[in-house]
Amino acid sequence: MRIIGGTLKGRLVPQPPGSDTRPTTDVLKESLFSVLTHHIDFAGKRVLDLCAGSGQLSFEMLSRGSAHATMVDASALVCRHLRSVSKEFGYDPQVTIIKADVLGFLRNGIAGPFDVIVADPPYALKLCNHIAEILTTSPILAPSAIVVLEHGDQEAVIVPDGVSLLWHKERGSTVIDVLRYERPLP
């Protein structure tokens, strides 16, 4: 897993210990970031990474100029690993790591706003539709927030009313949906 753009381009993102994480493949990540760069300027953006795993998508966005990344994962082991990597990459002041269940975290309404939200839960849990629905009424989204949902091909994301599907990509058993949640300015 390499950072493919920005100040850390070419750096390897270490895999967390154990076999419970499933990082996004480099080919799929390149396609995703090709699409994202057409819809968002990463400079100064706030990122929320749900089920962060290796954190590679957050580190990619930080490398491209995002101001801050909040990484949420249910595993204490993964959270320790993310802290270590953020220090190694020099992003420690720009990263908040929270050990929490993703749905509980979202329902508690943690302070935002976030410009980009990435969710890559374990495929077997089929959580992406729950996440997409919770976000429709969540105060944590910035106006015109981008939401990236990575899930297995056994889960079909139903795009909520008022949300735009920007991109849908299937590669093997992996599916990525990129959504835009329009919010009125406060």
N, C-alpha and C. Protein backbone atom coordinates (compact mmCIF):
# COMPACT_ATOMS: atom_id res chain seq x y z
N MET A 1 0.85 -1.18 0.00
CA MET A 1 0.00 0.00 0.00
C MET A 1 0.89 1.24 0.00
N ARG A 2 0.83 1.97 -1.07
CA ARG A 2 1.63 3.19 -1.20
C ARG A 2 0.75 4.42 -1.25
N ILE A 3 1.29 5.52 -0.77
CA ILE A 3 0.66 6.82 -0.98
C ILE A 3 0.91 7.16 -2.45
N ILE A 4 -0.15 7.52 -3.18
CA ILE A 4 0.00 7.71 -4.62
C ILE A 4 0.08 9.17 -5.05
N GLY A 5 -0.10 10.12 -4.11
CA GLY A 5 -0.01 11.52 -4.48
C GLY A 5 0.33 12.40 -3.29
N GLY A 6 0.73 13.63 -3.57
CA GLY A 6 0.99 14.58 -2.51
C GLY A 6 2.39 14.50 -1.94
N THR A 7 2.55 15.07 -0.75
CA THR A 7 3.88 15.21 -0.14
C THR A 7 4.51 13.88 0.26
N LEU A 8 3.70 12.86 0.51
CA LEU A 8 4.23 11.55 0.91
C LEU A 8 4.20 10.54 -0.24
N LYS A 9 4.04 11.03 -1.46
CA LYS A 9 3.93 10.13 -2.62
C LYS A 9 5.07 9.10 -2.60
N GLY A 10 4.69 7.83 -2.75
CA GLY A 10 5.66 6.75 -2.79
C GLY A 10 5.91 6.08 -1.45
N ARG A 11 5.52 6.72 -0.34
CA ARG A 11 5.74 6.11 0.98
C ARG A 11 4.79 4.94 1.17
N LEU A 12 5.31 3.90 1.79
CA LEU A 12 4.49 2.73 2.11
C LEU A 12 3.70 2.98 3.39
N VAL A 13 2.44 2.57 3.38
CA VAL A 13 1.60 2.62 4.59
C VAL A 13 1.65 1.23 5.19
N PRO A 14 2.20 1.09 6.40
CA PRO A 14 2.30 -0.24 7.00
C PRO A 14 0.92 -0.84 7.29
N GLN A 15 0.82 -2.12 7.09
CA GLN A 15 -0.41 -2.88 7.38
C GLN A 15 -0.50 -3.08 8.89
N PRO A 16 -1.68 -2.89 9.50
CA PRO A 16 -1.82 -3.17 10.93
C PRO A 16 -1.56 -4.64 11.22
N PRO A 17 -1.10 -4.95 12.43
CA PRO A 17 -0.88 -6.35 12.78
C PRO A 17 -2.19 -7.13 12.76
N GLY A 18 -2.10 -8.42 12.50
CA GLY A 18 -3.29 -9.27 12.45
C GLY A 18 -3.83 -9.34 11.03
N SER A 19 -4.92 -10.05 10.88
CA SER A 19 -5.47 -10.26 9.54
C SER A 19 -6.91 -9.76 9.43
N ASP A 20 -7.30 -8.85 10.32
CA ASP A 20 -8.69 -8.40 10.32
C ASP A 20 -8.95 -7.22 9.39
N THR A 21 -7.91 -6.58 8.87
CA THR A 21 -8.12 -5.44 7.98
C THR A 21 -7.99 -5.89 6.53
N ARG A 22 -8.65 -5.15 5.63
CA ARG A 22 -8.65 -5.45 4.22
C ARG A 22 -8.42 -4.14 3.48
N PRO A 23 -7.16 -3.76 3.26
CA PRO A 23 -6.88 -2.47 2.63
C PRO A 23 -7.39 -2.38 1.20
N THR A 24 -7.76 -1.18 0.80
CA THR A 24 -8.17 -0.92 -0.57
C THR A 24 -6.97 -1.17 -1.48
N THR A 25 -7.18 -1.89 -2.57
CA THR A 25 -6.06 -2.18 -3.48
C THR A 25 -5.56 -0.89 -4.13
N ASP A 26 -4.30 -0.89 -4.52
CA ASP A 26 -3.70 0.29 -5.15
C ASP A 26 -4.43 0.68 -6.44
N VAL A 27 -4.84 -0.32 -7.23
CA VAL A 27 -5.52 -0.03 -8.49
C VAL A 27 -6.85 0.67 -8.22
N LEU A 28 -7.61 0.15 -7.27
CA LEU A 28 -8.91 0.75 -6.94
C LEU A 28 -8.72 2.12 -6.30
N LYS A 29 -7.69 2.25 -5.47
CA LYS A 29 -7.41 3.55 -4.83
C LYS A 29 -7.05 4.60 -5.88
N GLU A 30 -6.26 4.22 -6.88
CA GLU A 30 -5.92 5.17 -7.94
C GLU A 30 -7.16 5.63 -8.68
N SER A 31 -8.07 4.72 -9.00
CA SER A 31 -9.32 5.09 -9.66
C SER A 31 -10.15 6.01 -8.78
N LEU A 32 -10.25 5.67 -7.51
CA LEU A 32 -11.02 6.48 -6.57
C LEU A 32 -10.47 7.90 -6.49
N PHE A 33 -9.17 8.04 -6.33
CA PHE A 33 -8.60 9.39 -6.19
C PHE A 33 -8.63 10.17 -7.49
N SER A 34 -8.63 9.48 -8.60
CA SER A 34 -8.81 10.16 -9.88
C SER A 34 -10.19 10.83 -9.92
N VAL A 35 -11.21 10.12 -9.43
CA VAL A 35 -12.57 10.67 -9.37
C VAL A 35 -12.66 11.77 -8.32
N LEU A 36 -12.13 11.51 -7.13
CA LEU A 36 -12.25 12.49 -6.04
C LEU A 36 -11.62 13.83 -6.39
N THR A 37 -10.48 13.81 -7.07
CA THR A 37 -9.81 15.08 -7.39
C THR A 37 -10.63 15.94 -8.35
N HIS A 38 -11.59 15.34 -9.05
CA HIS A 38 -12.48 16.11 -9.92
C HIS A 38 -13.63 16.75 -9.14
N HIS A 39 -13.87 16.26 -7.92
CA HIS A 39 -15.01 16.74 -7.14
C HIS A 39 -14.63 17.53 -5.89
N ILE A 40 -13.36 17.46 -5.50
CA ILE A 40 -12.98 18.12 -4.25
C ILE A 40 -11.51 18.52 -4.29
N ASP A 41 -11.22 19.67 -3.73
CA ASP A 41 -9.85 20.11 -3.50
C ASP A 41 -9.53 19.72 -2.06
N PHE A 42 -8.56 18.87 -1.86
CA PHE A 42 -8.28 18.35 -0.51
C PHE A 42 -7.69 19.40 0.44
N ALA A 43 -7.14 20.47 -0.09
CA ALA A 43 -6.48 21.47 0.74
C ALA A 43 -7.42 21.98 1.83
N GLY A 44 -6.99 21.82 3.07
CA GLY A 44 -7.72 22.35 4.21
C GLY A 44 -8.94 21.55 4.63
N LYS A 45 -9.23 20.44 3.98
CA LYS A 45 -10.44 19.67 4.29
C LYS A 45 -10.27 18.82 5.54
N ARG A 46 -11.42 18.56 6.19
CA ARG A 46 -11.47 17.70 7.38
C ARG A 46 -12.05 16.35 6.96
N VAL A 47 -11.34 15.28 7.34
CA VAL A 47 -11.67 13.92 6.92
C VAL A 47 -12.11 13.10 8.12
N LEU A 48 -13.14 12.28 7.94
CA LEU A 48 -13.56 11.29 8.92
C LEU A 48 -13.42 9.93 8.27
N ASP A 49 -12.64 9.06 8.87
CA ASP A 49 -12.37 7.72 8.34
C ASP A 49 -12.98 6.70 9.30
N LEU A 50 -14.09 6.09 8.89
CA LEU A 50 -14.81 5.13 9.72
C LEU A 50 -14.34 3.72 9.38
N CYS A 51 -14.06 2.92 10.41
CA CYS A 51 -13.47 1.59 10.23
C CYS A 51 -12.14 1.78 9.51
N ALA A 52 -11.28 2.60 10.09
CA ALA A 52 -10.08 3.12 9.43
C ALA A 52 -9.08 2.05 9.00
N GLY A 53 -8.98 0.96 9.75
CA GLY A 53 -8.03 -0.10 9.36
C GLY A 53 -6.62 0.43 9.25
N SER A 54 -6.02 0.34 8.07
CA SER A 54 -4.64 0.81 7.87
C SER A 54 -4.55 2.33 7.87
N GLY A 55 -5.69 3.01 7.65
CA GLY A 55 -5.68 4.47 7.57
C GLY A 55 -5.17 5.00 6.25
N GLN A 56 -4.93 4.11 5.28
CA GLN A 56 -4.29 4.54 4.05
C GLN A 56 -5.07 5.62 3.31
N LEU A 57 -6.41 5.60 3.34
CA LEU A 57 -7.16 6.63 2.62
C LEU A 57 -7.04 7.98 3.32
N SER A 58 -7.04 7.98 4.64
CA SER A 58 -6.82 9.23 5.38
C SER A 58 -5.42 9.77 5.16
N PHE A 59 -4.42 8.90 5.21
CA PHE A 59 -3.04 9.35 5.00
C PHE A 59 -2.87 9.88 3.57
N GLU A 60 -3.56 9.28 2.62
CA GLU A 60 -3.53 9.77 1.24
C GLU A 60 -4.10 11.19 1.17
N MET A 61 -5.21 11.43 1.85
CA MET A 61 -5.83 12.76 1.84
C MET A 61 -4.98 13.78 2.58
N LEU A 62 -4.36 13.37 3.68
CA LEU A 62 -3.45 14.28 4.39
C LEU A 62 -2.25 14.62 3.51
N SER A 63 -1.73 13.65 2.80
CA SER A 63 -0.61 13.87 1.90
C SER A 63 -0.98 14.89 0.81
N ARG A 64 -2.26 14.93 0.46
CA ARG A 64 -2.73 15.84 -0.58
C ARG A 64 -3.21 17.18 -0.02
N GLY A 65 -2.99 17.41 1.28
CA GLY A 65 -3.26 18.73 1.84
C GLY A 65 -4.43 18.85 2.78
N SER A 66 -5.11 17.76 3.10
CA SER A 66 -6.21 17.85 4.06
C SER A 66 -5.67 18.35 5.40
N ALA A 67 -6.50 19.12 6.09
CA ALA A 67 -6.06 19.75 7.35
C ALA A 67 -6.07 18.80 8.53
N HIS A 68 -7.04 17.88 8.57
CA HIS A 68 -7.18 17.02 9.73
C HIS A 68 -7.91 15.74 9.34
N ALA A 69 -7.55 14.65 10.00
CA ALA A 69 -8.25 13.37 9.81
C ALA A 69 -8.60 12.79 11.16
N THR A 70 -9.86 12.44 11.33
CA THR A 70 -10.32 11.71 12.49
C THR A 70 -10.52 10.27 12.05
N MET A 71 -9.80 9.35 12.68
CA MET A 71 -9.85 7.94 12.31
C MET A 71 -10.53 7.16 13.43
N VAL A 72 -11.57 6.42 13.07
CA VAL A 72 -12.36 5.66 14.03
C VAL A 72 -12.22 4.18 13.71
N ASP A 73 -11.90 3.38 14.71
CA ASP A 73 -11.84 1.94 14.53
C ASP A 73 -12.20 1.26 15.84
N ALA A 74 -12.85 0.11 15.77
CA ALA A 74 -13.27 -0.62 16.97
C ALA A 74 -12.13 -1.38 17.64
N SER A 75 -11.02 -1.56 16.95
CA SER A 75 -9.90 -2.36 17.47
C SER A 75 -8.86 -1.49 18.16
N ALA A 76 -8.57 -1.83 19.41
CA ALA A 76 -7.53 -1.10 20.15
C ALA A 76 -6.17 -1.31 19.49
N LEU A 77 -5.93 -2.50 18.97
CA LEU A 77 -4.68 -2.81 18.29
C LEU A 77 -4.51 -1.93 17.05
N VAL A 78 -5.56 -1.79 16.26
CA VAL A 78 -5.51 -0.95 15.07
C VAL A 78 -5.31 0.51 15.46
N CYS A 79 -5.98 0.97 16.50
CA CYS A 79 -5.82 2.37 16.95
C CYS A 79 -4.38 2.67 17.37
N ARG A 80 -3.76 1.74 18.08
CA ARG A 80 -2.34 1.92 18.46
C ARG A 80 -1.47 2.00 17.21
N HIS A 81 -1.76 1.15 16.24
CA HIS A 81 -1.01 1.14 14.99
C HIS A 81 -1.18 2.48 14.26
N LEU A 82 -2.39 2.99 14.19
CA LEU A 82 -2.65 4.27 13.52
C LEU A 82 -1.90 5.42 14.19
N ARG A 83 -1.83 5.40 15.52
CA ARG A 83 -1.07 6.44 16.25
C ARG A 83 0.40 6.38 15.85
N SER A 84 0.93 5.16 15.80
CA SER A 84 2.33 4.98 15.44
C SER A 84 2.62 5.48 14.03
N VAL A 85 1.76 5.14 13.07
CA VAL A 85 1.96 5.55 11.68
C VAL A 85 1.81 7.06 11.54
N SER A 86 0.84 7.65 12.22
CA SER A 86 0.67 9.10 12.10
C SER A 86 1.89 9.84 12.64
N LYS A 87 2.51 9.32 13.69
CA LYS A 87 3.76 9.92 14.20
C LYS A 87 4.89 9.72 13.20
N GLU A 88 5.00 8.51 12.67
CA GLU A 88 6.05 8.22 11.69
C GLU A 88 5.96 9.14 10.48
N PHE A 89 4.75 9.43 10.02
CA PHE A 89 4.54 10.29 8.86
C PHE A 89 4.57 11.78 9.19
N GLY A 90 4.65 12.11 10.48
CA GLY A 90 4.68 13.52 10.88
C GLY A 90 3.30 14.17 10.91
N TYR A 91 2.25 13.36 10.95
CA TYR A 91 0.88 13.89 10.96
C TYR A 91 0.23 13.83 12.33
N ASP A 92 0.97 13.48 13.35
CA ASP A 92 0.39 13.32 14.68
C ASP A 92 -0.49 14.50 15.11
N PRO A 93 -0.06 15.76 14.90
CA PRO A 93 -0.93 16.88 15.32
C PRO A 93 -2.20 17.02 14.47
N GLN A 94 -2.21 16.41 13.30
CA GLN A 94 -3.35 16.55 12.39
C GLN A 94 -4.29 15.35 12.43
N VAL A 95 -4.04 14.42 13.35
CA VAL A 95 -4.82 13.19 13.39
C VAL A 95 -5.41 13.00 14.78
N THR A 96 -6.70 12.64 14.80
CA THR A 96 -7.37 12.22 16.02
C THR A 96 -7.79 10.78 15.81
N ILE A 97 -7.46 9.92 16.76
CA ILE A 97 -7.79 8.50 16.64
C ILE A 97 -8.75 8.14 17.77
N ILE A 98 -9.87 7.53 17.40
CA ILE A 98 -10.92 7.21 18.37
C ILE A 98 -11.26 5.72 18.25
N LYS A 99 -11.19 5.03 19.39
CA LYS A 99 -11.61 3.63 19.44
C LYS A 99 -13.10 3.62 19.72
N ALA A 100 -13.89 3.19 18.74
CA ALA A 100 -15.35 3.18 18.90
C ALA A 100 -16.00 2.32 17.84
N ASP A 101 -17.18 1.86 18.15
CA ASP A 101 -18.05 1.21 17.18
C ASP A 101 -18.56 2.30 16.23
N VAL A 102 -18.55 2.04 14.94
CA VAL A 102 -18.87 3.07 13.94
C VAL A 102 -20.30 3.60 14.08
N LEU A 103 -21.28 2.74 14.24
CA LEU A 103 -22.66 3.22 14.34
C LEU A 103 -22.89 3.99 15.62
N GLY A 104 -22.33 3.51 16.73
CA GLY A 104 -22.43 4.25 17.99
C GLY A 104 -21.76 5.61 17.89
N PHE A 105 -20.61 5.65 17.26
CA PHE A 105 -19.89 6.90 17.05
C PHE A 105 -20.75 7.90 16.27
N LEU A 106 -21.36 7.44 15.18
CA LEU A 106 -22.19 8.33 14.35
C LEU A 106 -23.44 8.79 15.09
N ARG A 107 -24.05 7.92 15.86
CA ARG A 107 -25.27 8.30 16.59
C ARG A 107 -25.00 9.27 17.72
N ASN A 108 -23.76 9.29 18.23
CA ASN A 108 -23.41 10.23 19.31
C ASN A 108 -23.16 11.63 18.79
N GLY A 109 -23.15 11.80 17.47
CA GLY A 109 -23.06 13.14 16.89
C GLY A 109 -21.76 13.86 17.20
N ILE A 110 -20.65 13.17 17.07
CA ILE A 110 -19.35 13.79 17.31
C ILE A 110 -19.22 15.06 16.48
N ALA A 111 -18.55 16.04 17.05
CA ALA A 111 -18.42 17.34 16.39
C ALA A 111 -17.77 17.22 15.02
N GLY A 112 -18.30 17.92 14.10
CA GLY A 112 -17.76 18.04 12.75
C GLY A 112 -17.48 19.51 12.53
N PRO A 113 -17.68 20.03 11.42
CA PRO A 113 -18.15 19.30 10.26
C PRO A 113 -16.99 18.62 9.52
N PHE A 114 -17.33 17.56 8.81
CA PHE A 114 -16.35 16.85 8.00
C PHE A 114 -16.69 17.05 6.53
N ASP A 115 -15.66 17.31 5.74
CA ASP A 115 -15.83 17.53 4.30
C ASP A 115 -15.83 16.23 3.51
N VAL A 116 -15.07 15.25 4.01
CA VAL A 116 -14.97 13.94 3.36
C VAL A 116 -15.13 12.88 4.44
N ILE A 117 -16.01 11.92 4.18
CA ILE A 117 -16.17 10.79 5.08
C ILE A 117 -15.92 9.52 4.28
N VAL A 118 -15.07 8.68 4.82
CA VAL A 118 -14.75 7.39 4.21
C VAL A 118 -15.22 6.31 5.16
N ALA A 119 -15.97 5.34 4.66
CA ALA A 119 -16.40 4.22 5.48
C ALA A 119 -16.06 2.93 4.74
N ASP A 120 -15.30 2.08 5.42
CA ASP A 120 -14.88 0.80 4.84
C ASP A 120 -15.06 -0.29 5.90
N PRO A 121 -16.33 -0.54 6.29
CA PRO A 121 -16.55 -1.54 7.33
C PRO A 121 -16.34 -2.96 6.81
N PRO A 122 -16.18 -3.92 7.72
CA PRO A 122 -16.08 -5.32 7.27
C PRO A 122 -17.28 -5.67 6.39
N TYR A 123 -17.00 -6.25 5.24
CA TYR A 123 -18.06 -6.53 4.26
C TYR A 123 -19.20 -7.35 4.84
N ALA A 124 -18.88 -8.34 5.66
CA ALA A 124 -19.91 -9.24 6.19
C ALA A 124 -20.93 -8.52 7.06
N LEU A 125 -20.57 -7.38 7.64
CA LEU A 125 -21.50 -6.65 8.50
C LEU A 125 -22.55 -5.85 7.72
N LYS A 126 -22.27 -5.58 6.46
CA LYS A 126 -23.21 -4.84 5.60
C LYS A 126 -23.72 -3.57 6.29
N LEU A 127 -22.79 -2.70 6.66
CA LEU A 127 -23.13 -1.48 7.40
C LEU A 127 -23.28 -0.23 6.54
N CYS A 128 -22.92 -0.29 5.27
CA CYS A 128 -22.89 0.94 4.46
C CYS A 128 -24.25 1.61 4.32
N ASN A 129 -25.33 0.85 4.17
CA ASN A 129 -26.64 1.47 4.08
C ASN A 129 -27.03 2.14 5.40
N HIS A 130 -26.67 1.51 6.52
CA HIS A 130 -26.94 2.14 7.82
C HIS A 130 -26.17 3.46 7.94
N ILE A 131 -24.91 3.43 7.55
CA ILE A 131 -24.08 4.63 7.61
C ILE A 131 -24.66 5.72 6.70
N ALA A 132 -25.00 5.36 5.47
CA ALA A 132 -25.55 6.33 4.52
C ALA A 132 -26.83 6.96 5.06
N GLU A 133 -27.67 6.17 5.70
CA GLU A 133 -28.93 6.69 6.23
C GLU A 133 -28.70 7.59 7.45
N ILE A 134 -27.83 7.18 8.35
CA ILE A 134 -27.54 8.02 9.53
C ILE A 134 -27.01 9.38 9.09
N LEU A 135 -26.18 9.39 8.06
CA LEU A 135 -25.59 10.65 7.61
C LEU A 135 -26.60 11.62 7.01
N THR A 136 -27.77 11.13 6.56
CA THR A 136 -28.75 12.04 5.97
C THR A 136 -29.26 13.07 6.97
N THR A 137 -29.24 12.74 8.24
CA THR A 137 -29.71 13.69 9.26
C THR A 137 -28.60 14.10 10.23
N SER A 138 -27.39 13.73 9.93
CA SER A 138 -26.28 13.99 10.85
C SER A 138 -25.77 15.42 10.73
N PRO A 139 -25.50 16.04 11.88
CA PRO A 139 -24.93 17.39 11.86
C PRO A 139 -23.43 17.42 11.59
N ILE A 140 -22.81 16.26 11.40
CA ILE A 140 -21.35 16.24 11.23
C ILE A 140 -20.89 16.52 9.81
N LEU A 141 -21.83 16.59 8.87
CA LEU A 141 -21.46 16.81 7.47
C LEU A 141 -21.33 18.29 7.15
N ALA A 142 -20.27 18.65 6.46
CA ALA A 142 -20.11 20.00 5.92
C ALA A 142 -21.03 20.13 4.70
N PRO A 143 -21.34 21.36 4.27
CA PRO A 143 -22.09 21.51 3.03
C PRO A 143 -21.34 20.83 1.87
N SER A 144 -22.06 20.14 1.02
CA SER A 144 -21.49 19.44 -0.13
C SER A 144 -20.44 18.39 0.26
N ALA A 145 -20.66 17.72 1.38
CA ALA A 145 -19.73 16.68 1.83
C ALA A 145 -19.71 15.51 0.87
N ILE A 146 -18.54 14.92 0.72
CA ILE A 146 -18.34 13.72 -0.09
C ILE A 146 -18.26 12.53 0.86
N VAL A 147 -18.99 11.47 0.54
CA VAL A 147 -18.97 10.25 1.35
C VAL A 147 -18.56 9.09 0.45
N VAL A 148 -17.52 8.38 0.86
CA VAL A 148 -17.01 7.23 0.12
C VAL A 148 -17.37 5.98 0.92
N LEU A 149 -18.15 5.10 0.30
CA LEU A 149 -18.55 3.86 0.95
C LEU A 149 -17.92 2.70 0.20
N GLU A 150 -17.07 1.94 0.90
CA GLU A 150 -16.48 0.75 0.31
C GLU A 150 -17.15 -0.46 0.96
N HIS A 151 -17.66 -1.36 0.12
CA HIS A 151 -18.40 -2.51 0.64
C HIS A 151 -18.26 -3.69 -0.30
N GLY A 152 -18.77 -4.82 0.15
CA GLY A 152 -18.72 -6.02 -0.67
C GLY A 152 -19.85 -6.04 -1.68
N ASP A 153 -19.72 -6.91 -2.65
CA ASP A 153 -20.73 -7.00 -3.70
C ASP A 153 -22.03 -7.66 -3.23
N GLN A 154 -22.07 -8.13 -2.01
CA GLN A 154 -23.30 -8.68 -1.44
C GLN A 154 -24.18 -7.61 -0.81
N GLU A 155 -23.71 -6.37 -0.79
CA GLU A 155 -24.48 -5.24 -0.26
C GLU A 155 -24.63 -4.20 -1.37
N ALA A 156 -25.85 -3.85 -1.68
CA ALA A 156 -26.11 -2.80 -2.67
C ALA A 156 -26.52 -1.54 -1.92
N VAL A 157 -25.77 -0.47 -2.10
CA VAL A 157 -26.08 0.77 -1.41
C VAL A 157 -27.29 1.43 -2.07
N ILE A 158 -28.25 1.77 -1.24
CA ILE A 158 -29.43 2.50 -1.69
C ILE A 158 -29.15 3.98 -1.41
N VAL A 159 -29.07 4.77 -2.46
CA VAL A 159 -28.74 6.19 -2.31
C VAL A 159 -29.92 6.91 -1.67
N PRO A 160 -29.71 7.52 -0.50
CA PRO A 160 -30.82 8.21 0.18
C PRO A 160 -31.34 9.40 -0.63
N ASP A 161 -32.59 9.77 -0.39
CA ASP A 161 -33.17 10.95 -1.03
C ASP A 161 -32.32 12.17 -0.74
N GLY A 162 -32.16 13.01 -1.73
CA GLY A 162 -31.40 14.24 -1.57
C GLY A 162 -29.89 14.06 -1.65
N VAL A 163 -29.45 12.86 -1.95
CA VAL A 163 -28.03 12.55 -2.05
C VAL A 163 -27.73 12.16 -3.49
N SER A 164 -26.59 12.62 -4.01
CA SER A 164 -26.21 12.31 -5.40
C SER A 164 -25.15 11.22 -5.44
N LEU A 165 -25.33 10.27 -6.33
CA LEU A 165 -24.31 9.26 -6.58
C LEU A 165 -23.35 9.83 -7.62
N LEU A 166 -22.10 10.04 -7.23
CA LEU A 166 -21.09 10.61 -8.14
C LEU A 166 -20.34 9.53 -8.90
N TRP A 167 -20.17 8.36 -8.27
CA TRP A 167 -19.35 7.32 -8.90
C TRP A 167 -19.67 5.98 -8.26
N HIS A 168 -19.69 4.96 -9.08
CA HIS A 168 -19.91 3.58 -8.62
C HIS A 168 -18.91 2.71 -9.36
N LYS A 169 -18.13 1.95 -8.62
CA LYS A 169 -17.10 1.10 -9.24
C LYS A 169 -17.11 -0.26 -8.58
N GLU A 170 -17.12 -1.30 -9.41
CA GLU A 170 -17.02 -2.67 -8.93
C GLU A 170 -15.73 -3.26 -9.46
N ARG A 171 -14.99 -3.89 -8.57
CA ARG A 171 -13.76 -4.58 -8.97
C ARG A 171 -13.66 -5.84 -8.10
N GLY A 172 -13.85 -6.98 -8.73
CA GLY A 172 -13.89 -8.23 -7.97
C GLY A 172 -15.07 -8.20 -7.02
N SER A 173 -14.84 -8.53 -5.77
CA SER A 173 -15.92 -8.52 -4.78
C SER A 173 -16.03 -7.18 -4.06
N THR A 174 -15.24 -6.18 -4.48
CA THR A 174 -15.24 -4.86 -3.84
C THR A 174 -16.04 -3.87 -4.66
N VAL A 175 -16.83 -3.07 -3.96
CA VAL A 175 -17.62 -2.02 -4.59
C VAL A 175 -17.35 -0.71 -3.86
N ILE A 176 -17.17 0.37 -4.62
CA ILE A 176 -17.03 1.70 -4.02
C ILE A 176 -18.11 2.59 -4.60
N ASP A 177 -18.83 3.26 -3.71
CA ASP A 177 -19.80 4.28 -4.09
C ASP A 177 -19.35 5.60 -3.52
N VAL A 178 -19.36 6.64 -4.35
CA VAL A 178 -19.01 7.99 -3.90
C VAL A 178 -20.29 8.82 -3.99
N LEU A 179 -20.68 9.39 -2.86
CA LEU A 179 -21.91 10.14 -2.74
C LEU A 179 -21.62 11.60 -2.37
N ARG A 180 -22.50 12.50 -2.80
CA ARG A 180 -22.41 13.89 -2.34
C ARG A 180 -23.68 14.22 -1.56
N TYR A 181 -23.47 14.64 -0.33
CA TYR A 181 -24.57 15.05 0.55
C TYR A 181 -24.62 16.57 0.52
N GLU A 182 -25.63 17.13 -0.11
CA GLU A 182 -25.78 18.58 -0.15
C GLU A 182 -26.42 19.06 1.14
N ARG A 183 -25.83 20.07 1.73
CA ARG A 183 -26.36 20.68 2.95
C ARG A 183 -26.48 22.17 2.73
N PRO A 184 -27.55 22.79 3.21
CA PRO A 184 -27.60 24.25 3.11
C PRO A 184 -26.55 24.87 4.03
N LEU A 185 -25.99 25.99 3.63
CA LEU A 185 -25.03 26.68 4.48
C LEU A 185 -25.74 27.19 5.72
N PRO A 186 -25.05 27.12 6.90
CA PRO A 186 -25.69 27.56 8.15
C PRO A 186 -25.96 29.05 8.16
